[in-house]
Amino acid sequence: MLFGVVATEAGLNIYEVMAFSVLVIAGAAQLSAVSLMSENAPVLIVLAISLAVNLRMGLYSAALVPTFGKLPLWKRSLACYWLFDQPFALTSLDLKKNPNRSVDERLGFFFGVGIPLSIFWYSATFIGAYLGEFFPTNIGLDFAIAATFLSLIAPLLRSPAHLAAAFVSVLGTLLLQSLPFNTGLLIAALAAMLVGSEIERRLPKKGGV
């Protein structure tokens, strides 16, 4: 609901809000974009920050290539739409718990997580946009997104590279929070990716996802 509330307060009508959620379906990036738009940030800054927030989707895609890489193009293309935090995190955990599943079973699990969540996201966006004016502004709904993301990503932070990237991203975001238009987030994300990939490159290769 939070995105619907924030987006309508930023001046978007309900059709624009719903189109945003259906086409993008990435809560953190959507909130960042709307926040920057309400601050009259340049279009390039809005696009760059939104891209930085969503860079993790590229990493998610790369991580699932060994699992779904041999599927037909149309199935992989369809899966791309539902590739966001919750389906990736739960599918990754399921791969570890049930390594003997067939590819079709794994894809079914992935869609079984993603499709219901996307419907919930559309519905919550509509409710937030339609009833947003009735919600008090001081109840801290924005923390729910951060808490959900942390609860999903924390179990996956097992390797030194993952831990280092998480540490650098948090530290960088805190140190650079005074930069205009949240550009500190962009710098912190890029630094975290560089540190994580370099540590991953230097460590001995191990099997597993």
Protein backbone atom coordinates (compact mmCIF):
# COMPACT_ATOMS: atom_id res chain seq x y z
CA MET A 1 0.00 0.00 0.00
CA LEU A 2 2.88 2.33 0.72
CA PHE A 3 3.77 2.90 -2.92
CA GLY A 4 0.19 3.74 -3.82
CA VAL A 5 0.03 6.27 -0.98
CA VAL A 6 3.38 7.89 -1.79
CA ALA A 7 2.80 7.97 -5.55
CA THR A 8 -0.59 9.67 -5.29
CA GLU A 9 0.86 12.19 -2.85
CA ALA A 10 3.58 12.89 -5.45
CA GLY A 11 0.91 13.81 -8.00
CA LEU A 12 0.41 10.61 -10.03
CA ASN A 13 -3.16 9.61 -10.84
CA ILE A 14 -4.42 6.11 -10.10
CA TYR A 15 -3.87 4.93 -13.70
CA GLU A 16 -0.25 6.07 -13.65
CA VAL A 17 0.28 4.49 -10.24
CA MET A 18 -1.12 1.14 -11.37
CA ALA A 19 0.86 1.21 -14.64
CA PHE A 20 4.01 1.89 -12.62
CA SER A 21 3.42 -1.15 -10.41
CA VAL A 22 2.41 -3.49 -13.24
CA LEU A 23 5.30 -2.54 -15.53
CA VAL A 24 8.09 -2.18 -12.97
CA ILE A 25 7.01 -4.42 -10.05
CA ALA A 26 10.00 -3.43 -7.91
CA GLY A 27 8.96 -1.67 -4.73
CA ALA A 28 12.29 -0.18 -3.69
CA ALA A 29 13.01 1.23 -7.15
CA GLN A 30 9.48 2.57 -7.48
CA LEU A 31 9.67 4.35 -4.12
CA SER A 32 13.09 5.77 -4.97
CA ALA A 33 11.86 7.06 -8.32
CA VAL A 34 8.73 8.67 -6.88
CA SER A 35 10.72 10.24 -4.05
CA LEU A 36 13.19 11.75 -6.50
CA MET A 37 10.42 12.91 -8.82
CA SER A 38 8.74 14.72 -5.93
CA GLU A 39 12.06 16.50 -5.30
CA ASN A 40 12.19 17.58 -8.97
CA ALA A 41 15.37 15.60 -9.53
CA PRO A 42 16.71 15.48 -13.12
CA VAL A 43 15.39 12.60 -15.20
CA LEU A 44 18.87 11.11 -15.58
CA ILE A 45 19.29 11.02 -11.79
CA VAL A 46 15.91 9.31 -11.37
CA LEU A 47 16.84 6.70 -13.97
CA ALA A 48 20.34 6.16 -12.58
CA ILE A 49 19.19 5.69 -8.98
CA SER A 50 16.34 3.39 -10.02
CA LEU A 51 18.78 1.35 -12.09
CA ALA A 52 21.23 1.15 -9.18
CA VAL A 53 18.50 -0.06 -6.85
CA ASN A 54 17.54 -2.73 -9.38
CA LEU A 55 21.06 -3.87 -10.28
CA ARG A 56 20.57 -6.81 -7.94
CA MET A 57 18.05 -8.22 -10.42
CA GLY A 58 20.91 -8.83 -12.82
CA LEU A 59 22.73 -10.77 -10.12
CA TYR A 60 19.56 -12.75 -9.40
CA SER A 61 19.29 -13.62 -13.08
CA ALA A 62 22.90 -14.76 -13.28
CA ALA A 63 22.48 -16.90 -10.16
CA LEU A 64 19.50 -18.73 -11.68
CA VAL A 65 21.14 -19.44 -15.05
CA PRO A 66 22.38 -22.90 -13.93
CA THR A 67 18.79 -23.74 -12.94
CA PHE A 68 16.70 -22.21 -15.72
CA GLY A 69 19.29 -21.50 -18.42
CA LYS A 70 18.29 -24.44 -20.66
CA LEU A 71 14.57 -23.64 -20.67
CA PRO A 72 12.97 -22.33 -23.89
CA LEU A 73 13.38 -18.61 -24.46
CA TRP A 74 9.68 -17.87 -23.93
CA LYS A 75 9.71 -19.51 -20.50
CA ARG A 76 12.84 -17.63 -19.46
CA SER A 77 11.36 -14.38 -20.75
CA LEU A 78 8.20 -14.99 -18.76
CA ALA A 79 10.21 -15.80 -15.64
CA CYS A 80 12.10 -12.50 -15.99
CA TYR A 81 8.93 -10.57 -15.21
CA TRP A 82 8.54 -12.29 -11.84
CA LEU A 83 12.23 -12.11 -10.95
CA PHE A 84 12.16 -9.95 -7.85
CA ASP A 85 13.33 -10.39 -4.26
CA GLN A 86 10.83 -12.88 -2.83
CA PRO A 87 10.70 -15.39 -5.72
CA PHE A 88 14.49 -15.35 -6.01
CA ALA A 89 15.14 -15.76 -2.29
CA LEU A 90 12.59 -18.52 -1.75
CA THR A 91 13.57 -20.35 -4.95
CA SER A 92 17.24 -20.22 -3.92
CA LEU A 93 16.40 -21.69 -0.53
CA ASP A 94 14.22 -24.37 -2.15
CA LEU A 95 17.08 -25.33 -4.49
CA LYS A 96 19.22 -26.08 -1.45
CA LYS A 97 16.49 -28.00 0.39
CA ASN A 98 15.22 -29.95 -2.62
CA PRO A 99 18.14 -30.41 -5.04
CA ASN A 100 16.46 -33.32 -6.84
CA ARG A 101 13.51 -31.37 -8.20
CA SER A 102 13.11 -31.35 -11.98
CA VAL A 103 13.50 -28.10 -13.90
CA ASP A 104 9.75 -27.90 -14.49
CA GLU A 105 9.07 -28.40 -10.78
CA ARG A 106 11.54 -25.66 -9.93
CA LEU A 107 9.95 -23.32 -12.45
CA GLY A 108 6.52 -24.16 -11.05
CA PHE A 109 7.75 -23.30 -7.55
CA PHE A 110 9.18 -20.01 -8.84
CA PHE A 111 5.90 -19.03 -10.50
CA GLY A 112 3.97 -20.28 -7.47
CA VAL A 113 5.76 -17.67 -5.39
CA GLY A 114 5.92 -14.84 -7.93
CA ILE A 115 2.41 -14.80 -9.40
CA PRO A 116 0.43 -14.60 -6.12
CA LEU A 117 2.84 -11.97 -4.78
CA SER A 118 2.49 -9.86 -7.91
CA ILE A 119 -1.31 -9.97 -7.64
CA PHE A 120 -1.01 -8.93 -4.00
CA TRP A 121 1.33 -6.09 -5.04
CA TYR A 122 -1.13 -4.79 -7.65
CA SER A 123 -3.99 -5.00 -5.15
CA ALA A 124 -2.05 -3.27 -2.39
CA THR A 125 -0.97 -0.54 -4.81
CA PHE A 126 -4.58 0.07 -5.81
CA ILE A 127 -5.75 0.20 -2.20
CA GLY A 128 -2.95 2.58 -1.28
CA ALA A 129 -3.66 4.84 -4.25
CA TYR A 130 -7.43 4.80 -3.75
CA LEU A 131 -7.49 5.12 0.04
CA GLY A 132 -4.13 6.78 0.63
CA GLU A 133 -5.59 10.02 1.92
CA PHE A 134 -7.15 8.13 4.83
CA PHE A 135 -3.85 6.68 6.07
CA PRO A 136 -1.97 8.64 8.75
CA THR A 137 1.47 9.76 7.64
CA ASN A 138 3.24 8.95 10.91
CA ILE A 139 2.81 5.18 11.19
CA GLY A 140 6.10 4.29 9.48
CA LEU A 141 4.81 2.11 6.65
CA ASP A 142 8.04 2.70 4.75
CA PHE A 143 9.98 0.52 7.19
CA ALA A 144 7.94 -2.54 6.15
CA ILE A 145 9.71 -2.71 2.78
CA ALA A 146 13.17 -2.53 4.33
CA ALA A 147 12.25 -5.13 6.96
CA THR A 148 10.88 -7.51 4.32
CA PHE A 149 13.98 -7.13 2.16
CA LEU A 150 16.31 -7.75 5.12
CA SER A 151 14.39 -10.85 6.24
CA LEU A 152 14.69 -12.31 2.74
CA ILE A 153 18.28 -11.43 1.99
CA ALA A 154 19.86 -12.16 5.40
CA PRO A 155 19.69 -15.99 5.08
CA LEU A 156 21.50 -15.75 1.73
CA LEU A 157 24.49 -13.81 3.09
CA ARG A 158 26.75 -16.80 3.68
CA SER A 159 29.91 -16.29 1.65
CA PRO A 160 32.67 -13.77 2.42
CA ALA A 161 31.88 -11.97 -0.83
CA HIS A 162 28.21 -11.57 0.10
CA LEU A 163 29.04 -10.34 3.60
CA ALA A 164 31.65 -7.90 2.32
CA ALA A 165 29.27 -6.49 -0.29
CA ALA A 166 26.54 -6.05 2.32
CA PHE A 167 28.96 -4.31 4.71
CA VAL A 168 30.26 -1.94 2.02
CA SER A 169 26.75 -1.07 0.84
CA VAL A 170 25.55 -0.26 4.35
CA LEU A 171 28.68 1.70 5.27
CA GLY A 172 28.71 3.59 1.98
CA THR A 173 25.04 4.50 2.24
CA LEU A 174 25.51 5.85 5.76
CA LEU A 175 28.64 7.83 4.91
CA LEU A 176 27.22 9.30 1.70
CA GLN A 177 23.67 10.00 2.83
CA SER A 178 24.22 13.76 2.64
CA LEU A 179 24.74 13.71 -1.14
CA PRO A 180 21.85 15.20 -3.13
CA PHE A 181 19.12 13.12 -4.78
CA ASN A 182 20.25 9.92 -3.02
CA THR A 183 23.28 9.65 -5.28
CA GLY A 184 25.14 8.18 -2.30
CA LEU A 185 23.00 5.08 -2.76
CA LEU A 186 24.20 4.73 -6.35
CA ILE A 187 27.86 5.08 -5.34
CA ALA A 188 27.46 2.65 -2.42
CA ALA A 189 25.78 0.06 -4.64
CA LEU A 190 28.52 0.22 -7.25
CA ALA A 191 31.23 0.02 -4.58
CA ALA A 192 29.56 -2.99 -2.98
CA MET A 193 29.35 -4.80 -6.32
CA LEU A 194 33.00 -4.14 -7.07
CA VAL A 195 34.15 -5.31 -3.63
CA GLY A 196 31.95 -8.40 -3.70
CA SER A 197 32.98 -9.43 -7.21
CA GLU A 198 36.67 -8.89 -6.46
CA ILE A 199 36.52 -11.02 -3.30
CA GLU A 200 34.58 -13.69 -5.20
CA ARG A 201 37.24 -13.66 -7.93
CA ARG A 202 40.10 -14.06 -5.46
CA LEU A 203 38.56 -16.84 -3.38
CA PRO A 204 38.92 -20.50 -4.39
CA LYS A 205 35.97 -21.72 -6.44
CA LYS A 206 33.43 -23.94 -4.71
CA GLY A 207 30.42 -25.84 -5.95
CA GLY A 208 26.86 -24.79 -5.30
CA VAL A 209 24.55 -21.97 -6.28
